[in-house]
N, C-alpha and C. Protein backbone atom coordinates (compact mmCIF):
# COMPACT_ATOMS: atom_id res chain seq x y z
N MET A 1 -19.02 11.00 -7.47
CA MET A 1 -17.59 10.31 -8.00
C MET A 1 -18.33 8.90 -7.91
N MET A 2 -17.94 8.57 -9.25
CA MET A 2 -18.29 7.03 -9.58
C MET A 2 -16.62 6.26 -9.08
N ALA A 3 -17.22 5.12 -8.67
CA ALA A 3 -16.06 4.05 -8.16
C ALA A 3 -15.06 3.79 -9.72
N GLN A 4 -13.73 3.41 -9.53
CA GLN A 4 -13.06 3.26 -10.75
C GLN A 4 -12.13 2.19 -10.32
N PHE A 5 -11.53 1.28 -10.71
CA PHE A 5 -10.78 0.13 -10.85
C PHE A 5 -9.78 0.67 -12.20
N HIS A 6 -8.39 1.12 -12.16
CA HIS A 6 -7.34 1.62 -13.31
C HIS A 6 -6.43 0.78 -12.82
N HIS A 7 -6.00 -0.04 -13.88
CA HIS A 7 -4.51 -0.43 -14.20
C HIS A 7 -3.69 0.33 -15.39
N HIS A 8 -3.40 1.32 -14.82
CA HIS A 8 -2.67 2.35 -15.44
C HIS A 8 -1.79 1.96 -16.44
N PRO A 9 -1.59 1.94 -17.82
CA PRO A 9 -0.16 1.75 -18.54
C PRO A 9 1.22 2.10 -18.22
N ASP A 10 1.21 2.92 -17.17
CA ASP A 10 2.38 3.46 -16.46
C ASP A 10 2.50 2.21 -15.29
N ASN A 11 1.71 1.05 -15.47
CA ASN A 11 2.09 0.04 -14.36
C ASN A 11 1.59 0.37 -13.05
N LEU A 12 0.52 1.22 -12.78
CA LEU A 12 -0.10 1.69 -11.43
C LEU A 12 -1.32 1.44 -11.29
N ILE A 13 -2.05 0.89 -10.11
CA ILE A 13 -3.19 0.38 -9.85
C ILE A 13 -3.99 1.27 -9.21
N ILE A 14 -4.65 2.07 -9.80
CA ILE A 14 -5.48 3.55 -9.17
C ILE A 14 -6.92 3.10 -8.83
N ILE A 15 -7.57 3.19 -7.77
CA ILE A 15 -8.55 2.79 -7.62
C ILE A 15 -9.21 4.13 -7.11
N ARG A 16 -10.30 4.66 -7.75
CA ARG A 16 -10.63 6.20 -7.23
C ARG A 16 -12.23 5.87 -6.80
N THR A 17 -12.71 6.31 -5.06
CA THR A 17 -13.80 6.23 -4.78
C THR A 17 -13.93 7.57 -4.21
N ILE A 18 -15.33 7.67 -3.59
CA ILE A 18 -15.45 8.59 -2.68
C ILE A 18 -14.97 8.73 -1.07
N ILE A 19 -14.40 7.41 -1.20
CA ILE A 19 -13.77 7.26 0.22
C ILE A 19 -12.27 7.90 0.14
N GLY A 20 -11.41 7.60 -0.98
CA GLY A 20 -10.23 8.09 -1.04
C GLY A 20 -9.67 7.67 -2.68
N ILE A 21 -8.75 7.73 -2.79
CA ILE A 21 -7.87 7.28 -3.97
C ILE A 21 -6.61 6.65 -3.39
N TYR A 22 -6.61 5.54 -4.14
CA TYR A 22 -5.34 4.08 -3.87
C TYR A 22 -4.67 4.54 -4.97
N MET A 23 -3.20 4.69 -4.90
CA MET A 23 -2.64 4.47 -6.19
C MET A 23 -1.06 3.99 -5.54
N ASP A 24 -0.39 2.59 -6.37
CA ASP A 24 0.49 1.92 -6.20
C ASP A 24 0.64 0.80 -7.20
N THR A 25 2.04 0.51 -6.94
CA THR A 25 2.75 -0.54 -8.25
C THR A 25 1.68 -1.72 -7.95
N PRO A 26 1.54 -2.64 -8.83
CA PRO A 26 1.01 -4.19 -8.89
C PRO A 26 1.34 -4.95 -7.53
N GLN A 27 3.02 -4.65 -7.23
CA GLN A 27 3.31 -5.64 -6.58
C GLN A 27 2.90 -4.92 -4.85
N ASN A 28 2.85 -3.60 -4.71
CA ASN A 28 2.40 -3.24 -3.50
C ASN A 28 0.86 -3.50 -3.33
N PHE A 29 0.41 -3.50 -4.26
CA PHE A 29 -1.24 -3.74 -3.99
C PHE A 29 -1.25 -4.94 -3.86
N ALA A 30 -1.05 -5.98 -4.52
CA ALA A 30 -1.37 -7.01 -3.68
C ALA A 30 -0.68 -7.56 -2.17
N VAL A 31 0.34 -6.69 -1.92
CA VAL A 31 0.70 -6.62 -0.48
C VAL A 31 -0.25 -5.94 0.71
N ASP A 32 -0.77 -4.80 -0.17
CA ASP A 32 -1.86 -4.31 0.56
C ASP A 32 -3.00 -5.15 0.94
N LEU A 33 -3.41 -5.63 -0.24
CA LEU A 33 -4.67 -6.44 -0.54
C LEU A 33 -4.55 -7.62 0.27
N GLY A 34 -3.07 -8.33 0.36
CA GLY A 34 -3.14 -9.40 1.33
C GLY A 34 -3.47 -10.53 0.05
N ALA A 35 -3.47 -10.61 -1.04
CA ALA A 35 -3.87 -11.44 -1.66
C ALA A 35 -2.64 -11.35 -2.98
N ASP A 36 -3.26 -12.48 -3.87
CA ASP A 36 -2.35 -12.20 -5.24
C ASP A 36 -3.03 -11.57 -6.12
N TYR A 37 -2.74 -10.80 -6.95
CA TYR A 37 -2.79 -9.55 -7.95
C TYR A 37 -2.34 -10.56 -9.31
N PRO A 38 -3.23 -10.98 -10.30
CA PRO A 38 -2.93 -11.65 -11.36
C PRO A 38 -2.40 -10.74 -12.37
N GLY A 39 -2.81 -9.45 -12.15
CA GLY A 39 -2.24 -8.60 -13.47
C GLY A 39 -3.08 -8.75 -14.54
N LEU A 40 -2.57 -8.09 -15.73
CA LEU A 40 -3.59 -8.14 -16.89
C LEU A 40 -2.63 -9.44 -17.59
N PRO A 41 -3.80 -9.75 -18.48
CA PRO A 41 -3.46 -10.60 -19.43
C PRO A 41 -1.98 -10.33 -20.39
N ASP A 42 -1.30 -11.49 -20.48
CA ASP A 42 -0.38 -11.11 -21.19
C ASP A 42 -0.72 -10.56 -22.63
N GLY A 43 0.20 -9.26 -23.06
CA GLY A 43 0.13 -8.52 -24.24
C GLY A 43 -0.89 -7.71 -24.16
N SER A 44 -1.50 -7.28 -22.40
CA SER A 44 -2.32 -6.00 -22.47
C SER A 44 -1.42 -5.15 -21.68
N ARG A 45 -1.97 -4.00 -21.85
CA ARG A 45 -1.22 -2.56 -21.24
C ARG A 45 -2.19 -1.96 -20.13
N GLU A 46 -3.71 -2.23 -20.45
CA GLU A 46 -4.21 -1.24 -19.45
C GLU A 46 -5.84 -2.19 -19.14
N ARG A 47 -6.60 -1.58 -17.89
CA ARG A 47 -7.48 -1.96 -17.64
C ARG A 47 -8.51 -0.97 -17.36
N LEU A 48 -9.74 -0.53 -17.45
CA LEU A 48 -10.18 0.43 -16.83
C LEU A 48 -11.84 -0.29 -16.59
N TYR A 49 -12.07 0.28 -15.36
CA TYR A 49 -13.53 -0.63 -15.18
C TYR A 49 -14.37 0.46 -14.23
N GLU A 50 -15.31 0.75 -14.51
CA GLU A 50 -16.32 1.25 -13.61
C GLU A 50 -17.67 0.85 -13.25
N PRO A 51 -18.12 -0.03 -12.21
CA PRO A 51 -19.07 -0.70 -11.94
C PRO A 51 -20.46 -0.46 -12.84
N GLY A 52 -21.01 -1.26 -13.58
CA GLY A 52 -22.18 -1.02 -14.35
C GLY A 52 -22.18 0.11 -15.38
N VAL A 53 -20.70 0.73 -15.69
CA VAL A 53 -20.81 1.98 -16.49
C VAL A 53 -19.89 1.42 -17.63
N ARG A 54 -18.49 0.87 -17.44
CA ARG A 54 -17.64 0.87 -18.60
C ARG A 54 -16.68 -0.25 -18.32
N HIS A 55 -16.42 -0.91 -18.75
CA HIS A 55 -15.16 -2.10 -18.45
C HIS A 55 -14.19 -2.11 -20.05
N PHE A 56 -12.99 -1.66 -19.98
CA PHE A 56 -12.30 -2.17 -21.31
C PHE A 56 -10.69 -2.53 -20.84
N LEU A 57 -10.76 -3.39 -21.78
CA LEU A 57 -9.31 -3.52 -21.73
C LEU A 57 -8.57 -3.63 -22.88
N ASP A 58 -7.78 -2.82 -22.63
CA ASP A 58 -6.95 -2.01 -23.69
C ASP A 58 -7.56 -1.54 -25.26
N ASN A 59 -8.58 -0.86 -24.66
CA ASN A 59 -9.94 -0.23 -25.46
C ASN A 59 -10.59 -1.03 -25.85
N GLU A 60 -10.74 -2.09 -25.59
CA GLU A 60 -11.40 -3.12 -26.37
C GLU A 60 -12.72 -3.13 -25.02
N PRO A 61 -14.05 -3.20 -25.50
CA PRO A 61 -15.07 -3.40 -24.51
C PRO A 61 -15.07 -4.81 -23.70
N LYS A 62 -15.62 -4.91 -22.69
CA LYS A 62 -15.64 -6.32 -21.99
C LYS A 62 -16.96 -6.16 -21.24
N ASP A 63 -16.98 -7.23 -20.71
CA ASP A 63 -18.40 -7.57 -20.09
C ASP A 63 -18.51 -6.49 -18.73
N LEU A 64 -19.61 -5.93 -18.51
CA LEU A 64 -19.78 -4.95 -17.57
C LEU A 64 -19.52 -5.47 -16.10
N ALA A 65 -19.90 -6.91 -15.97
CA ALA A 65 -19.53 -7.51 -14.77
C ALA A 65 -18.20 -7.98 -14.53
N TRP A 66 -17.43 -7.40 -13.76
CA TRP A 66 -15.96 -7.85 -13.78
C TRP A 66 -16.14 -8.04 -12.02
N HIS A 67 -16.60 -9.17 -11.61
CA HIS A 67 -16.01 -9.53 -10.11
C HIS A 67 -14.79 -8.99 -9.16
N PRO A 68 -13.94 -9.46 -9.56
CA PRO A 68 -12.43 -8.98 -9.24
C PRO A 68 -12.23 -7.48 -9.17
N GLY A 69 -12.76 -6.69 -9.89
CA GLY A 69 -12.88 -4.98 -9.62
C GLY A 69 -13.76 -4.65 -8.79
N ASP A 70 -14.84 -5.63 -8.70
CA ASP A 70 -15.95 -5.07 -7.20
C ASP A 70 -15.38 -5.21 -5.97
N GLU A 71 -14.50 -6.26 -5.72
CA GLU A 71 -13.88 -7.03 -4.80
C GLU A 71 -12.73 -5.74 -4.33
N TYR A 72 -11.80 -5.44 -5.38
CA TYR A 72 -10.63 -4.42 -5.38
C TYR A 72 -11.41 -2.91 -5.05
N ILE A 73 -12.70 -2.72 -5.43
CA ILE A 73 -13.02 -1.43 -4.95
C ILE A 73 -13.66 -1.38 -3.74
N ALA A 74 -14.11 -2.45 -3.72
CA ALA A 74 -14.85 -2.62 -2.22
C ALA A 74 -13.54 -2.60 -1.24
N ALA A 75 -12.26 -3.10 -1.40
CA ALA A 75 -11.29 -3.26 -0.34
C ALA A 75 -10.49 -1.75 0.02
N VAL A 76 -10.86 -0.78 -0.79
CA VAL A 76 -10.30 0.55 -1.19
C VAL A 76 -10.03 1.00 0.55
N SER A 77 -10.67 1.02 1.65
CA SER A 77 -10.42 1.39 2.93
C SER A 77 -9.37 0.72 3.29
N THR A 78 -9.16 -0.78 3.38
CA THR A 78 -8.33 -1.64 3.63
C THR A 78 -7.11 -1.45 2.76
N LEU A 79 -7.16 -1.15 1.61
CA LEU A 79 -5.78 -0.95 0.81
C LEU A 79 -5.35 0.34 1.59
N LEU A 80 -6.06 1.51 1.49
CA LEU A 80 -5.46 2.60 2.19
C LEU A 80 -4.81 2.51 3.41
N ALA A 81 -5.40 1.94 4.50
CA ALA A 81 -4.87 1.36 5.71
C ALA A 81 -3.86 0.87 5.78
N ALA A 82 -3.74 0.13 4.52
CA ALA A 82 -2.15 -1.10 4.66
C ALA A 82 -1.26 -0.34 4.06
N GLN A 83 -1.63 0.48 3.11
CA GLN A 83 -0.22 1.46 2.16
C GLN A 83 0.20 2.36 3.29
N LYS A 84 -0.87 2.93 4.06
CA LYS A 84 -0.34 3.96 4.84
C LYS A 84 0.53 3.41 6.25
N ALA A 85 0.33 2.54 6.42
CA ALA A 85 0.97 1.49 7.75
C ALA A 85 2.45 1.07 7.01
N ARG A 86 2.25 0.57 5.74
CA ARG A 86 3.24 0.08 5.11
C ARG A 86 4.75 1.24 4.93
N GLN A 87 3.75 2.38 4.63
CA GLN A 87 4.68 3.62 4.30
C GLN A 87 5.02 4.24 5.47
N ASP A 88 4.39 4.15 6.60
CA ASP A 88 4.95 4.84 8.09
C ASP A 88 5.84 3.97 8.60
N TYR A 89 6.27 2.63 8.22
CA TYR A 89 6.87 1.64 8.78
C TYR A 89 8.18 2.14 8.88
N PRO A 90 8.93 2.54 8.02
CA PRO A 90 10.66 3.14 7.95
C PRO A 90 10.67 4.04 9.12
N THR A 91 9.73 5.19 9.19
CA THR A 91 10.01 5.96 10.09
C THR A 91 9.57 5.52 11.56
N LYS A 92 8.48 4.91 11.73
CA LYS A 92 8.52 4.22 13.45
C LYS A 92 9.67 3.31 13.29
N ILE A 93 10.43 2.73 12.82
CA ILE A 93 11.66 1.97 12.87
C ILE A 93 12.80 3.08 13.21
N ALA A 94 12.88 3.91 12.52
CA ALA A 94 14.02 5.38 12.60
C ALA A 94 14.00 6.12 13.94
N SER A 95 12.77 6.01 14.13
CA SER A 95 12.22 6.67 15.51
C SER A 95 12.91 5.76 16.95
N LYS A 96 12.39 4.74 16.81
CA LYS A 96 12.68 3.97 17.89
C LYS A 96 14.36 3.73 17.74
N ARG A 97 14.99 3.81 16.98
CA ARG A 97 16.21 3.41 16.69
C ARG A 97 17.20 4.65 17.15
N ALA A 98 16.35 5.89 17.02
CA ALA A 98 16.89 7.12 17.75
C ALA A 98 17.13 6.79 19.19
N LYS A 99 16.29 6.41 19.65
CA LYS A 99 16.21 6.39 21.03
C LYS A 99 16.79 5.27 21.78
N TRP A 100 17.54 4.38 21.08
CA TRP A 100 18.36 3.36 21.11
C TRP A 100 19.58 3.69 22.50
N PRO A 101 20.38 4.74 21.84
CA PRO A 101 21.76 5.41 22.69
C PRO A 101 20.98 5.60 24.32
N ASP A 102 19.95 5.98 24.22
CA ASP A 102 19.81 6.87 25.42
C ASP A 102 18.90 5.29 26.41
N LEU A 103 17.93 4.43 25.69
CA LEU A 103 17.76 3.32 26.53
C LEU A 103 18.85 2.56 26.96
N LEU A 104 19.97 2.31 25.90
CA LEU A 104 21.03 1.57 26.15
C LEU A 104 21.95 2.12 27.57
N LYS A 105 21.91 3.38 27.39
CA LYS A 105 22.61 4.35 28.57
C LYS A 105 22.15 4.34 29.63
N ASN A 106 20.89 4.08 29.89
CA ASN A 106 20.20 4.38 30.92
C ASN A 106 20.26 2.58 31.77
N GLU A 107 20.21 2.03 30.82
CA GLU A 107 20.05 0.43 31.22
C GLU A 107 21.58 0.07 31.77
N LEU A 108 22.88 0.99 31.16
CA LEU A 108 23.95 0.53 31.79
C LEU A 108 24.08 1.38 33.10
N THR A 109 23.51 2.15 32.83
CA THR A 109 23.96 3.25 34.21
C THR A 109 22.89 2.70 35.72
N ALA A 110 21.72 2.00 35.17
CA ALA A 110 20.99 1.51 36.09
C ALA A 110 21.41 0.07 36.99
N GLY A 111 22.28 -0.37 35.88
CA GLY A 111 23.03 -1.65 36.63
C GLY A 111 24.37 -1.24 37.19
N GLY A 112 24.96 -0.13 36.95
CA GLY A 112 26.09 0.27 37.42
C GLY A 112 27.04 -0.11 36.65
N PHE A 113 26.94 -0.15 35.86
CA PHE A 113 27.86 -0.44 34.50
C PHE A 113 28.71 0.57 33.86
N LEU A 114 28.35 1.83 34.37
CA LEU A 114 28.93 3.33 33.89
C LEU A 114 29.41 4.25 35.03
N ASP A 115 29.30 3.52 36.14
CA ASP A 115 29.79 4.34 37.17
C ASP A 115 31.38 4.70 37.15
N ASP A 116 32.25 3.89 36.48
CA ASP A 116 33.65 4.46 36.51
C ASP A 116 33.78 5.35 35.00
N VAL A 117 32.73 5.72 34.14
CA VAL A 117 33.14 6.44 32.89
C VAL A 117 32.86 7.63 32.94
N LYS A 118 33.51 8.50 32.83
CA LYS A 118 33.20 9.85 32.86
C LYS A 118 32.55 10.35 31.28
N GLU A 119 31.34 11.37 31.66
CA GLU A 119 30.74 11.88 30.42
C GLU A 119 32.02 12.72 29.79
N THR A 120 31.85 13.02 28.29
CA THR A 120 32.62 13.51 27.68
C THR A 120 32.09 14.91 26.83
């Protein structure tokens, strides 16, 4: 499998590599990358880049060397890890919040604050 960077016309960033496939919005791509993503040039809808094979911007051939694309492809492991962490975050928070009532009750009981409260 060849590595590929694709800014899809549906406004998705897709990076395909042997390591895995990253797909997200340009905004989330920038967050996961930890850097600004300039996006497409004004008026453009798509970029397709395969290092040393092809590079098209709106079906117009471009220079085969595109260093930002090489960097984006090289960062796929980081991108996938950051994406997973970002997507798992709400689940982790919800899990912690679900434990709050028990933690609070334990703290209040330990402090003697619930000695006169009856269970219902």
